[in-house]
């Protein structure tokens, strides 16, 4: 886990996602897993969620979803990661 990261707490993440500025983002990962998630929020309020595998060798291993709400983002996080994932705001 990166230094300064926090264990994911749904309530806390919801507040962070709601307050993201367009020049900020959130990285989520889980110790021992090869998958990372990067979340940003555009000025229109739409979230871009990029899911990347460390062993990605081409663009086919990267997926990007555009989501309209914090709840949709939380749902994707819960689908990709189990308990114990950590996040870092950048």
Protein backbone atom coordinates (compact mmCIF):
# COMPACT_ATOMS: atom_id res chain seq x y z
CA UNK A 1 0.00 0.00 0.00
CA UNK A 2 1.29 3.47 -0.73
CA UNK A 3 2.43 5.61 2.15
CA UNK A 4 -0.34 7.88 3.39
CA UNK A 5 -3.14 5.65 2.16
CA UNK A 6 -6.29 4.92 4.14
CA UNK A 7 -8.43 1.79 4.39
CA UNK A 8 -11.63 2.24 2.37
CA UNK A 9 -14.62 3.32 4.40
CA UNK A 10 -17.75 3.72 2.27
CA UNK A 11 -19.11 6.75 4.12
CA UNK A 12 -15.76 8.52 4.00
CA UNK A 13 -15.26 7.68 0.32
CA UNK A 14 -18.69 9.04 -0.56
CA UNK A 15 -17.78 12.37 1.06
CA UNK A 16 -14.41 12.47 -0.72
CA UNK A 17 -15.98 11.67 -4.10
CA UNK A 18 -18.67 14.33 -3.66
CA UNK A 19 -16.06 16.96 -2.91
CA UNK A 20 -13.49 16.05 -5.60
CA UNK A 21 -12.29 18.95 -7.71
CA UNK A 22 -11.53 18.45 -11.39
CA UNK A 23 -7.77 18.52 -10.69
CA UNK A 24 -7.96 15.81 -7.99
CA UNK A 25 -8.39 12.07 -8.06
CA UNK A 26 -8.54 8.94 -5.95
CA UNK A 27 -6.43 5.81 -6.37
CA UNK A 28 -7.73 2.56 -4.89
CA UNK A 29 -5.81 -0.67 -4.56
CA UNK A 30 -5.69 -3.74 -2.40
CA UNK A 31 -2.52 -5.29 -0.99
CA UNK A 32 -1.60 -8.43 -2.92
CA UNK A 33 -3.85 -7.58 -5.87
CA UNK A 34 -2.65 -6.47 -9.29
CA UNK A 35 -5.62 -4.22 -9.99
CA UNK A 36 -5.71 -0.48 -9.35
CA UNK A 37 -8.57 1.94 -9.81
CA UNK A 38 -8.23 5.64 -10.60
CA UNK A 39 -11.23 7.92 -10.14
CA UNK A 40 -11.56 11.51 -11.28
CA UNK A 41 -14.48 13.91 -11.58
CA UNK A 42 -14.97 16.26 -14.49
CA UNK A 43 -16.31 19.78 -14.27
CA UNK A 44 -19.66 18.41 -15.49
CA UNK A 45 -19.87 16.19 -12.40
CA UNK A 46 -19.37 12.95 -14.33
CA UNK A 47 -16.90 10.49 -12.79
CA UNK A 48 -14.27 8.71 -14.89
CA UNK A 49 -13.30 5.36 -13.37
CA UNK A 50 -10.24 3.68 -14.88
CA UNK A 51 -9.42 0.11 -13.88
CA UNK A 52 -5.88 -1.05 -14.66
CA UNK A 53 -4.14 -4.36 -14.07
CA UNK A 54 -0.40 -4.18 -13.20
CA UNK A 55 0.26 -6.85 -15.78
CA UNK A 56 -1.45 -4.81 -18.50
CA UNK A 57 0.60 -5.02 -21.68
CA UNK A 58 -1.85 -3.23 -23.95
CA UNK A 59 -4.93 -1.04 -23.88
CA UNK A 60 -7.23 -4.08 -23.86
CA UNK A 61 -6.41 -4.64 -20.17
CA UNK A 62 -7.54 -1.13 -19.23
CA UNK A 63 -11.18 -0.21 -18.86
CA UNK A 64 -12.75 3.20 -18.38
CA UNK A 65 -16.31 3.81 -17.24
CA UNK A 66 -18.11 7.14 -17.04
CA UNK A 67 -20.58 7.27 -14.17
CA UNK A 68 -23.10 9.90 -13.14
CA UNK A 69 -23.30 9.41 -9.39
CA UNK A 70 -21.28 8.68 -6.28
CA UNK A 71 -23.44 5.61 -5.65
CA UNK A 72 -22.56 4.17 -9.06
CA UNK A 73 -18.85 4.68 -8.32
CA UNK A 74 -19.18 2.99 -4.92
CA UNK A 75 -20.94 0.06 -6.60
CA UNK A 76 -18.03 -0.41 -9.03
CA UNK A 77 -15.51 -0.19 -6.18
CA UNK A 78 -17.38 -2.89 -4.26
CA UNK A 79 -17.50 -5.08 -7.38
CA UNK A 80 -13.76 -4.83 -8.05
CA UNK A 81 -12.36 -4.85 -4.50
CA UNK A 82 -13.14 -6.78 -1.35
CA UNK A 83 -12.77 -5.45 2.19
CA UNK A 84 -9.38 -4.03 3.09
CA UNK A 85 -8.70 -2.01 -0.07
CA UNK A 86 -6.97 1.32 0.50
CA UNK A 87 -7.33 4.70 -1.13
CA UNK A 88 -5.12 7.71 -1.67
CA UNK A 89 -6.39 11.15 -2.72
CA UNK A 90 -4.07 12.95 -5.10
